[in-house]
Protein backbone atom coordinates (compact mmCIF):
# COMPACT_ATOMS: atom_id res chain seq x y z
CA UNK A 1 7.50 10.31 -13.99
CA UNK A 2 6.26 7.54 -16.26
CA UNK A 3 6.51 8.14 -20.02
CA UNK A 4 5.44 6.69 -23.36
CA UNK A 5 7.81 5.74 -26.19
CA UNK A 6 6.32 6.30 -29.67
CA UNK A 7 8.00 4.38 -32.51
CA UNK A 8 6.90 5.22 -36.07
CA UNK A 9 8.85 5.90 -39.27
CA UNK A 10 6.46 8.71 -40.21
CA UNK A 11 7.44 11.90 -38.42
CA UNK A 12 3.99 13.45 -38.76
CA UNK A 13 2.32 10.42 -37.14
CA UNK A 14 4.63 10.19 -34.16
CA UNK A 15 4.48 13.95 -33.54
CA UNK A 16 0.68 13.91 -33.81
CA UNK A 17 0.45 11.11 -31.23
CA UNK A 18 2.95 12.92 -28.99
CA UNK A 19 0.90 16.13 -29.15
CA UNK A 20 -2.36 14.32 -28.35
CA UNK A 21 -0.83 12.48 -25.38
CA UNK A 22 0.98 15.63 -24.23
CA UNK A 23 -2.35 17.46 -24.03
CA UNK A 24 -3.56 14.69 -21.69
CA UNK A 25 -0.57 15.15 -19.37
CA UNK A 26 1.59 12.23 -20.54
CA UNK A 27 5.32 12.58 -21.12
CA UNK A 28 6.51 11.13 -24.42
CA UNK A 29 9.67 10.12 -26.27
CA UNK A 30 9.94 9.38 -30.00
CA UNK A 31 11.95 7.08 -32.25
CA UNK A 32 11.87 6.86 -36.05
CA UNK A 33 13.63 3.52 -36.56
CA UNK A 34 14.72 0.43 -34.65
CA UNK A 35 18.23 1.61 -33.69
CA UNK A 36 16.82 4.80 -32.20
CA UNK A 37 14.18 2.71 -30.43
CA UNK A 38 16.86 0.44 -28.90
CA UNK A 39 18.81 3.49 -27.72
CA UNK A 40 15.70 4.85 -26.02
CA UNK A 41 14.99 1.50 -24.34
CA UNK A 42 18.57 1.28 -23.08
CA UNK A 43 18.44 4.85 -21.75
CA UNK A 44 15.34 4.27 -19.62
CA UNK A 45 12.51 1.75 -19.65
CA UNK A 46 9.25 3.44 -20.70
CA UNK A 47 5.92 2.76 -19.03
CA UNK A 48 4.32 2.06 -22.41
CA UNK A 49 5.29 1.68 -26.09
CA UNK A 50 3.25 2.64 -29.13
CA UNK A 51 4.85 0.72 -32.00
CA UNK A 52 4.26 0.75 -35.77
CA UNK A 53 4.32 -2.66 -37.47
CA UNK A 54 6.18 -1.44 -40.56
CA UNK A 55 9.34 0.66 -40.13
CA UNK A 56 10.87 1.69 -43.47
CA UNK A 57 14.66 1.61 -43.79
CA UNK A 58 14.95 0.03 -40.36
CA UNK A 59 17.15 -2.85 -39.25
CA UNK A 60 14.27 -4.42 -37.26
CA UNK A 61 10.54 -4.30 -37.99
CA UNK A 62 7.81 -3.90 -35.37
CA UNK A 63 7.48 -7.64 -34.73
CA UNK A 64 11.23 -7.96 -34.07
CA UNK A 65 11.11 -5.02 -31.65
CA UNK A 66 8.06 -6.52 -29.93
CA UNK A 67 9.89 -9.81 -29.37
CA UNK A 68 12.87 -7.91 -27.96
CA UNK A 69 10.69 -5.93 -25.56
CA UNK A 70 8.73 -8.97 -24.37
CA UNK A 71 12.04 -10.75 -23.69
CA UNK A 72 13.94 -7.90 -22.00
CA UNK A 73 11.20 -5.55 -20.74
CA UNK A 74 8.25 -7.88 -20.02
CA UNK A 75 6.39 -5.38 -17.82
CA UNK A 76 6.14 -2.77 -20.62
CA UNK A 77 2.79 -2.95 -22.49
CA UNK A 78 3.09 -2.50 -26.28
CA UNK A 79 0.30 -1.01 -28.39
CA UNK A 80 0.66 -1.89 -32.08
CA UNK A 81 -0.24 0.62 -34.82
CA UNK A 82 -1.22 -0.96 -38.12
CA UNK A 83 -2.68 0.04 -41.47
CA UNK A 84 -5.91 -1.53 -42.72
CA UNK A 85 -4.09 -4.17 -44.74
CA UNK A 86 -2.07 -5.40 -41.76
CA UNK A 87 -4.84 -6.42 -39.36
CA UNK A 88 -3.91 -10.11 -39.51
CA UNK A 89 -0.31 -9.22 -38.64
CA UNK A 90 -1.52 -7.03 -35.79
CA UNK A 91 -3.65 -9.87 -34.39
CA UNK A 92 -0.62 -12.17 -34.65
CA UNK A 93 1.38 -9.55 -32.73
CA UNK A 94 -1.18 -9.61 -29.93
CA UNK A 95 -0.76 -13.37 -29.67
CA UNK A 96 2.97 -12.72 -29.22
CA UNK A 97 2.36 -10.39 -26.30
CA UNK A 98 1.24 -7.01 -27.64
CA UNK A 99 -1.31 -5.29 -25.38
CA UNK A 100 -3.64 -4.07 -28.16
CA UNK A 101 -3.62 -2.62 -31.66
CA UNK A 102 -4.96 0.57 -33.23
CA UNK A 103 -5.80 0.75 -36.89
CA UNK A 104 -4.67 3.69 -39.04
CA UNK A 105 -6.13 6.20 -39.50
CA UNK A 106 -6.85 6.10 -35.76
CA UNK A 107 -9.63 7.69 -33.75
CA UNK A 108 -8.30 10.01 -31.03
CA UNK A 109 -10.83 8.87 -28.42
CA UNK A 110 -9.99 5.23 -29.12
CA UNK A 111 -6.27 6.00 -28.80
CA UNK A 112 -6.74 7.67 -25.42
CA UNK A 113 -8.93 4.85 -24.07
CA UNK A 114 -6.41 2.16 -25.08
CA UNK A 115 -3.48 4.19 -23.73
CA UNK A 116 -5.30 4.77 -20.42
CA UNK A 117 -5.97 1.05 -20.01
CA UNK A 118 -2.42 0.13 -20.95
CA UNK A 119 -0.96 2.63 -18.48
CA UNK A 120 -3.12 1.16 -15.73
CA UNK A 121 -1.87 -2.29 -16.69
CA UNK A 122 1.70 -1.01 -16.47
CA UNK A 123 1.05 0.47 -13.05
CA UNK A 124 -0.43 -2.79 -11.75
CA UNK A 125 2.52 -4.77 -13.13
CA UNK A 126 5.03 -2.45 -11.44
CA UNK A 127 3.04 -2.64 -8.21
CA UNK A 128 2.88 -6.44 -8.33
CA UNK A 129 6.62 -6.67 -9.09
CA UNK A 130 7.35 -4.40 -6.15
CA UNK A 131 5.13 -6.45 -3.87
CA UNK A 132 6.82 -9.67 -5.01
CA UNK A 133 10.21 -8.15 -4.15
CA UNK A 134 8.90 -7.09 -0.75
CA UNK A 135 6.92 -10.26 -0.21
CA UNK A 136 8.95 -11.48 2.75
CA UNK A 137 8.77 -8.11 4.49
CA UNK A 138 5.05 -7.64 3.84
CA UNK A 139 4.26 -11.11 5.13
CA UNK A 140 6.20 -10.59 8.37
CA UNK A 141 4.59 -9.41 11.58
CA UNK A 142 6.90 -7.40 13.83
CA UNK A 143 6.15 -6.56 17.46
CA UNK A 144 6.24 -7.49 21.14
CA UNK A 145 3.54 -5.29 22.69
CA UNK A 146 0.34 -6.65 24.18
CA UNK A 147 -1.68 -5.05 21.37
CA UNK A 148 0.50 -6.77 18.77
CA UNK A 149 0.39 -10.14 20.53
CA UNK A 150 -3.41 -10.01 20.63
CA UNK A 151 -3.47 -9.30 16.88
CA UNK A 152 -0.98 -12.09 16.18
CA UNK A 153 -3.02 -14.58 18.20
CA UNK A 154 -6.16 -13.72 16.20
CA UNK A 155 -4.30 -14.04 12.89
CA UNK A 156 -2.80 -17.39 13.89
CA UNK A 157 -6.29 -18.73 14.60
CA UNK A 158 -7.59 -17.93 11.11
CA UNK A 159 -4.60 -18.97 8.98
CA UNK A 160 -5.59 -22.63 8.69
CA UNK A 161 -9.27 -22.02 8.05
CA UNK A 162 -10.93 -20.82 4.88
CA UNK A 163 -13.12 -18.25 6.64
CA UNK A 164 -13.55 -14.77 5.25
CA UNK A 165 -11.72 -12.13 7.27
CA UNK A 166 -12.48 -8.41 7.60
CA UNK A 167 -9.49 -6.32 8.77
CA UNK A 168 -10.31 -2.91 10.19
CA UNK A 169 -8.01 -0.12 11.32
CA UNK A 170 -6.52 3.26 10.61
CA UNK A 171 -4.68 3.99 7.34
CA UNK A 172 -1.14 2.64 7.38
CA UNK A 173 -1.68 0.42 10.43
CA UNK A 174 -0.61 -2.76 8.62
CA UNK A 175 -3.82 -4.33 7.35
CA UNK A 176 -2.23 -5.60 4.12
CA UNK A 177 0.71 -7.05 6.07
CA UNK A 178 -1.84 -8.89 8.22
CA UNK A 179 -3.63 -10.20 5.11
CA UNK A 180 -0.35 -11.41 3.63
CA UNK A 181 0.56 -13.06 6.93
CA UNK A 182 -2.69 -15.04 6.80
CA UNK A 183 -1.95 -16.09 3.20
CA UNK A 184 1.72 -16.96 3.86
CA UNK A 185 0.82 -19.23 6.79
CA UNK A 186 -2.20 -20.91 5.21
CA UNK A 187 -2.56 -24.00 3.05
CA UNK A 188 -2.92 -21.60 0.08
CA UNK A 189 0.57 -20.11 0.55
CA UNK A 190 1.84 -21.49 -2.78
CA UNK A 191 -1.18 -20.08 -4.66
CA UNK A 192 -1.62 -16.43 -5.75
CA UNK A 193 -2.29 -13.48 -3.46
CA UNK A 194 -4.09 -10.88 -5.59
CA UNK A 195 -4.89 -7.37 -4.35
CA UNK A 196 -7.92 -5.42 -5.54
CA UNK A 197 -7.32 -1.75 -4.71
CA UNK A 198 -10.95 -0.66 -4.80
CA UNK A 199 -10.07 3.04 -4.45
CA UNK A 200 -7.71 3.21 -7.43
CA UNK A 201 -9.77 1.41 -10.10
CA UNK A 202 -12.16 3.57 -12.10
CA UNK A 203 -15.78 2.54 -11.31
CA UNK A 204 -16.66 2.02 -14.97
CA UNK A 205 -13.73 -0.40 -15.32
CA UNK A 206 -14.16 -2.28 -12.05
CA UNK A 207 -16.10 -5.21 -13.51
CA UNK A 208 -13.70 -5.65 -16.42
CA UNK A 209 -10.73 -5.60 -14.02
CA UNK A 210 -12.36 -8.10 -11.66
CA UNK A 211 -14.08 -10.49 -14.06
CA UNK A 212 -11.90 -10.14 -17.18
CA UNK A 213 -13.20 -9.78 -20.72
CA UNK A 214 -13.59 -11.63 -23.99
CA UNK A 215 -13.23 -9.97 -27.42
CA UNK A 216 -12.90 -11.32 -30.94
CA UNK A 217 -9.57 -9.55 -31.44
CA UNK A 218 -7.86 -10.46 -28.14
CA UNK A 219 -9.68 -13.58 -27.04
CA UNK A 220 -9.86 -14.26 -23.29
CA UNK A 221 -8.28 -11.82 -20.84
CA UNK A 222 -8.42 -13.04 -17.25
CA UNK A 223 -9.56 -10.65 -14.53
CA UNK A 224 -8.22 -10.46 -10.99
CA UNK A 225 -10.71 -13.00 -9.63
CA UNK A 226 -9.62 -15.60 -12.14
CA UNK A 227 -5.95 -14.79 -11.55
CA UNK A 228 -6.47 -15.47 -7.83
CA UNK A 229 -8.03 -18.93 -8.43
CA UNK A 230 -6.90 -21.34 -5.72
CA UNK A 231 -5.45 -18.54 -3.61
CA UNK A 232 -6.49 -15.33 -1.87
CA UNK A 233 -8.30 -12.28 -3.24
CA UNK A 234 -7.71 -9.23 -1.02
CA UNK A 235 -10.23 -6.39 -1.30
CA UNK A 236 -8.30 -3.36 -0.03
CA UNK A 237 -10.59 -0.48 1.05
CA UNK A 238 -13.69 -2.48 0.15
CA UNK A 239 -15.91 0.48 1.13
CA UNK A 240 -14.87 2.18 -2.12
CA UNK A 241 -16.33 -0.58 -4.29
CA UNK A 242 -19.21 0.71 -6.51
CA UNK A 243 -22.67 -0.47 -5.47
CA UNK A 244 -23.30 -2.23 -8.79
CA UNK A 245 -20.07 -4.19 -8.44
CA UNK A 246 -20.94 -5.06 -4.83
CA UNK A 247 -24.02 -6.95 -6.06
CA UNK A 248 -21.96 -8.96 -8.55
CA UNK A 249 -19.26 -9.74 -5.99
CA UNK A 250 -21.99 -10.93 -3.62
CA UNK A 251 -23.18 -13.29 -6.36
CA UNK A 252 -19.62 -14.58 -6.89
CA UNK A 253 -19.25 -15.27 -3.17
CA UNK A 254 -22.55 -17.13 -3.18
CA UNK A 255 -22.11 -19.13 -6.39
CA UNK A 256 -18.29 -19.30 -6.71
CA UNK A 257 -18.66 -18.50 -10.41
CA UNK A 258 -19.08 -15.54 -12.76
CA UNK A 259 -19.14 -14.53 -16.44
CA UNK A 260 -16.43 -12.45 -18.10
CA UNK A 261 -17.40 -9.09 -19.64
CA UNK A 262 -18.38 -9.87 -23.23
CA UNK A 263 -18.44 -13.60 -22.58
CA UNK A 264 -21.16 -16.20 -22.15
CA UNK A 265 -19.50 -19.13 -20.34
CA UNK A 266 -19.47 -19.47 -16.56
CA UNK A 267 -16.04 -19.38 -14.91
CA UNK A 268 -15.71 -21.27 -11.62
CA UNK A 269 -13.21 -20.06 -9.01
CA UNK A 270 -11.95 -21.31 -5.66
CA UNK A 271 -11.05 -18.27 -3.57
CA UNK A 272 -10.40 -17.22 -0.01
CA UNK A 273 -11.57 -13.63 0.52
CA UNK A 274 -9.89 -11.14 2.86
CA UNK A 275 -11.14 -7.55 3.02
CA UNK A 276 -10.01 -4.37 4.74
CA UNK A 277 -11.45 -0.96 5.45
CA UNK A 278 -10.60 2.23 7.31
CA UNK A 279 -14.24 3.28 7.40
CA UNK A 280 -17.20 2.25 9.56
CA UNK A 281 -19.11 0.01 7.18
CA UNK A 282 -22.20 0.11 9.38
CA UNK A 283 -22.37 3.85 8.75
CA UNK A 284 -21.90 3.17 5.03
CA UNK A 285 -24.74 0.65 5.16
CA UNK A 286 -27.04 3.11 6.93
CA UNK A 287 -26.38 5.73 4.24
CA UNK A 288 -27.02 3.24 1.44
CA UNK A 289 -23.38 3.21 0.23
CA UNK A 290 -22.65 -0.40 1.15
CA UNK A 291 -24.81 -3.51 0.92
CA UNK A 292 -25.76 -5.24 4.15
CA UNK A 293 -25.71 -8.66 2.45
CA UNK A 294 -22.14 -8.20 1.23
CA UNK A 295 -21.03 -6.96 4.65
CA UNK A 296 -22.51 -10.08 6.25
CA UNK A 297 -20.65 -12.30 3.77
CA UNK A 298 -17.29 -10.55 4.20
CA UNK A 299 -17.39 -9.93 7.96
CA UNK A 300 -17.31 -13.57 9.06
CA UNK A 301 -14.18 -13.06 11.19
CA UNK A 302 -13.66 -9.39 12.10
CA UNK A 303 -10.10 -8.54 13.22
CA UNK A 304 -9.16 -5.01 14.33
CA UNK A 305 -5.58 -3.98 13.53
CA UNK A 306 -4.29 -1.64 16.28
CA UNK A 307 -2.93 1.80 15.49
CA UNK A 308 0.72 2.48 16.24
CA UNK A 309 -0.37 4.67 19.19
CA UNK A 310 -1.76 1.48 20.79
CA UNK A 311 1.55 -0.37 20.44
CA UNK A 312 4.24 2.26 21.12
CA UNK A 313 6.58 -0.37 22.56
CA UNK A 314 6.96 -1.74 19.02
CA UNK A 315 8.14 1.54 17.45
CA UNK A 316 11.94 0.99 17.92
CA UNK A 317 11.60 -2.64 16.84
CA UNK A 318 9.74 -1.66 13.67
CA UNK A 319 12.21 1.16 12.99
CA UNK A 320 15.17 -1.25 13.17
CA UNK A 321 13.31 -3.67 10.91
CA UNK A 322 12.85 -0.91 8.32
CA UNK A 323 16.51 0.13 8.60
CA UNK A 324 17.60 -3.44 7.80
CA UNK A 325 15.12 -3.61 4.91
CA UNK A 326 16.31 -0.33 3.36
CA UNK A 327 19.90 -1.50 3.72
CA UNK A 328 19.15 -4.72 1.81
CA UNK A 329 16.94 -3.15 -0.86
CA UNK A 330 18.58 0.23 -1.44
CA UNK A 331 22.00 0.03 0.16
CA UNK A 332 21.13 2.76 2.67
CA UNK A 333 23.30 2.92 5.84
CA UNK A 334 22.74 0.19 8.40
CA UNK A 335 22.43 2.52 11.37
CA UNK A 336 21.56 1.88 15.00
CA UNK A 337 19.08 4.03 16.95
CA UNK A 338 20.20 6.00 20.00
CA UNK A 339 18.24 5.62 23.24
CA UNK A 340 17.11 9.26 22.99
CA UNK A 341 15.89 8.79 19.40
CA UNK A 342 14.02 5.60 20.34
CA UNK A 343 12.32 7.41 23.23
CA UNK A 344 11.44 10.36 20.98
CA UNK A 345 9.90 8.08 18.34
CA UNK A 346 7.78 6.36 20.97
CA UNK A 347 6.32 9.69 22.13
CA UNK A 348 5.68 11.13 18.65
CA UNK A 349 2.25 11.27 17.07
CA UNK A 350 1.91 8.78 14.19
CA UNK A 351 -1.36 9.58 12.39
CA UNK A 352 -0.04 7.66 9.37
CA UNK A 353 0.89 4.72 11.61
CA UNK A 354 3.44 2.13 10.41
CA UNK A 355 3.51 3.55 6.87
CA UNK A 356 4.46 6.98 8.25
CA UNK A 357 7.15 5.47 10.49
CA UNK A 358 8.61 3.65 7.50
CA UNK A 359 8.69 6.88 5.47
CA UNK A 360 10.38 8.77 8.31
CA UNK A 361 13.08 6.10 8.64
CA UNK A 362 13.74 6.17 4.89
CA UNK A 363 14.01 9.97 4.93
CA UNK A 364 16.42 9.93 7.89
CA UNK A 365 18.63 7.31 6.23
CA UNK A 366 18.75 9.32 2.98
CA UNK A 367 19.30 12.74 4.53
CA UNK A 368 20.92 11.67 7.79
CA UNK A 369 24.22 12.37 9.46
CA UNK A 370 26.64 9.61 8.51
CA UNK A 371 26.52 5.99 9.63
CA UNK A 372 26.41 6.35 13.41
CA UNK A 373 23.31 5.85 15.53
CA UNK A 374 20.25 7.88 14.54
CA UNK A 375 19.91 10.79 16.99
CA UNK A 376 16.72 12.47 18.18
CA UNK A 377 17.69 15.73 16.42
CA UNK A 378 17.42 13.94 13.04
CA UNK A 379 13.74 13.14 13.55
CA UNK A 380 11.03 15.49 12.26
CA UNK A 381 9.77 18.00 14.81
CA UNK A 382 6.03 18.44 14.69
CA UNK A 383 4.89 19.80 18.05
CA UNK A 384 8.13 21.03 19.51
CA UNK A 385 9.83 24.39 18.91
CA UNK A 386 13.40 25.30 19.84
CA UNK A 387 15.11 28.63 20.21
CA UNK A 388 18.46 29.40 18.60
CA UNK A 389 20.20 28.47 21.86
CA UNK A 390 18.59 25.01 21.83
CA UNK A 391 16.27 25.73 24.76
CA UNK A 392 12.75 24.35 24.59
CA UNK A 393 10.07 26.99 24.06
CA UNK A 394 7.33 26.85 26.69
CA UNK A 395 3.78 26.27 25.55
CA UNK A 396 1.34 29.09 26.17
CA UNK A 397 -0.32 27.22 29.03
CA UNK A 398 2.89 26.45 30.93
CA UNK A 399 4.22 29.97 30.51
CA UNK A 400 1.19 31.47 32.29
CA UNK A 401 1.19 29.18 35.36
CA UNK A 402 2.96 29.59 38.71
CA UNK A 403 6.00 27.34 39.08
CA UNK A 404 4.29 24.78 41.35
CA UNK A 405 1.31 24.31 39.01
CA UNK A 406 3.53 24.28 35.91
CA UNK A 407 5.76 21.63 37.47
CA UNK A 408 2.74 19.50 38.41
CA UNK A 409 1.31 19.82 34.88
CA UNK A 410 4.65 18.91 33.33
CA UNK A 411 5.14 15.90 35.61
CA UNK A 412 1.64 14.64 34.87
CA UNK A 413 2.06 14.92 31.08
CA UNK A 414 5.59 13.51 31.21
CA UNK A 415 4.60 10.44 33.24
CA UNK A 416 1.47 9.86 31.13
CA UNK A 417 3.67 9.84 28.04
CA UNK A 418 6.28 7.49 29.54
CA UNK A 419 3.74 4.99 30.92
CA UNK A 420 1.96 4.81 27.56
CA UNK A 421 5.31 4.51 25.82
CA UNK A 422 6.06 1.37 27.88
CA UNK A 423 2.57 -0.06 27.43
CA UNK A 424 1.54 0.57 31.04
CA UNK A 425 4.50 -1.37 32.48
CA UNK A 426 5.24 0.43 35.77
CA UNK A 427 8.56 -1.34 36.40
CA UNK A 428 10.02 -0.36 33.02
CA UNK A 429 8.69 3.18 33.37
CA UNK A 430 10.23 3.52 36.84
CA UNK A 431 13.60 2.28 35.57
CA UNK A 432 13.57 4.75 32.69
CA UNK A 433 12.55 7.84 34.71
CA UNK A 434 14.98 6.93 37.52
CA UNK A 435 12.48 6.30 40.33
CA UNK A 436 11.74 3.41 42.66
CA UNK A 437 8.59 1.53 41.65
CA UNK A 438 6.82 2.36 44.92
CA UNK A 439 7.82 6.02 44.64
CA UNK A 440 6.43 6.14 41.11
CA UNK A 441 3.14 4.64 42.31
CA UNK A 442 2.88 7.34 44.97
CA UNK A 443 3.70 10.08 42.46
CA UNK A 444 1.11 8.80 39.99
CA UNK A 445 -1.53 8.68 42.72
CA UNK A 446 -0.75 12.24 43.82
CA UNK A 447 -1.03 13.45 40.21
CA UNK A 448 -4.30 11.61 39.60
CA UNK A 449 -2.80 9.27 36.96
CA UNK A 450 -4.11 5.68 36.76
CA UNK A 451 -3.64 2.79 34.34
CA UNK A 452 -6.31 0.54 32.86
CA UNK A 453 -6.75 -2.17 30.24
CA UNK A 454 -7.71 -0.88 26.79
CA UNK A 455 -7.35 -2.28 23.25
CA UNK A 456 -5.14 -5.16 24.38
CA UNK A 457 -2.65 -2.94 26.25
CA UNK A 458 -2.44 -1.02 29.51
CA UNK A 459 -2.80 2.71 29.03
CA UNK A 460 -2.52 5.66 31.39
CA UNK A 461 -5.11 8.38 31.80
CA UNK A 462 -6.29 10.94 34.33
CA UNK A 463 -8.29 9.59 37.24
CA UNK A 464 -11.50 11.44 36.39
CA UNK A 465 -11.60 9.90 32.88
CA UNK A 466 -12.81 6.51 34.07
CA UNK A 467 -12.51 4.13 37.00
CA UNK A 468 -8.91 3.10 37.83
CA UNK A 469 -7.74 -0.48 38.09
CA UNK A 470 -4.13 -0.14 39.07
C-alpha cells in the first residue's frame, strides 16, 4: 500500500499530520532529521513526502533533501512545509521541483486537498512509468484468427491518417493496445501518447487535469492536453466524462485551442484523438448523459474490438506471449503450455477477456508446479466440478436423461465447443476430435449443428437459431 513520509524536526507537528492523514486512511512514516529521512527513503520509496524547510540539528536541510529526492526518486511528489517568514524559500523550492507548499500554521482542509492532488499525481506518474516499461508489449497486436485479422486490417488503414477513431468493445478486450498500435505505426510515433482515464479522475478536477492551471505561486502547470501536443490524446472510457467537460472538449476539437484554469491566454494544440468505450453511447445520448455533437466528432472512424470469445484461436498464442513477457519483466518461469491446457483455455469463459487471460497466466506462473509445461489442472475451474476420485460430476440435466439422449446432448455441446474453438475450421476440428472431415460433416448435420459467418469469424450454432451456410 502507498504511504506518506513526514519529515519535520518538531515531534508534535509530524505526529499531528500523521494523525490527520491516518484518519483519512493514509499510511504514514515519520522522520525527525535528515539521516532518519535518508534511512526511510532507502528502506522503501514513499508515494509522497511532506518536508519541512528548516530541520534543526540536521546534517541536511529541506532544500538539500529535496534535491536528493528529485535526483534519486523523481516520481515522488514533495510538499514543502514552511513558516510565514520562509515563503520566498518555499517558492524557490517549488522551482526546484517541489509539488506545492503549505504555510504554518496550516489549515487541515488545505492540507488534505494538497495531499489528495499530490497522491493522484504520484499515481499517474507510476502508471505512466509502468506503461513506458510495457510500451512494446502494449503496442503489439497478437493473433491469427479471422476476427483478429479483420481488426488488424482496420487499424492498419487508420494509422497513417489523422482521423479520430472510436474503439468499442468489452472490458479487457484490448482497446488500449489497439490505440497504442495506431500511435506506434503513425507519423506521430515519436510524439507523446497521453491517456485520459475518464473514470478515475474526480469530476471536479477533470478540467484542471485536462487543461492545466496557472497560479501566482506555481506559475504554469501543463494539463494532459498540452502534454500530448503533437501526439495522441487517448480518452479511455469517454462515456464517464462529465457533461460540462464534454462541452469544453468539443470546443477544443473544434478550435484546437483552450485556456488553462486560472489563465487568460489561449493555448494552441495539435492532437490526434482516439477514444474508447465499453458502453453504448447512443443509449447514453438518448438519456442525456453524452452529447450528440461530441459523439459525432469522436466517432469519425468506429472500430469494434472483438471479445476473446470471438477469437478463441488466439488464446494459446496470447498466453505464450504473456508467459514470455512475465519471464522478461519478473523472472517468472518460461513455461510451455500442454495441448490439454491450451484446449481447456480455448473452451473457458473469459468475461474479462485478454486482461483476465493475462491475470490467469501470471497467477499460474507464480503458484504453478515447477518449470514444465502448464497443465490443464493448474487452470482455474469455474464451471466444472470433480469428485475426490477425479471423475467429472454430471450436470443436473445430463444426469436425468436416458443414455441415448445424454450422449446426443454431450456430442452436440462438445462439437459446438470444438468448432468455435477452431474458429469454424472443420478440417482442424476433425483432426482434433479424431474424425474424417466427411464423417464430421455428417455428424454435425445429424445433431443440427451448422456454421455461419459472424463478427469476422465462423461460429457454430444450432440449426434452428438462424439459417445455415455450411
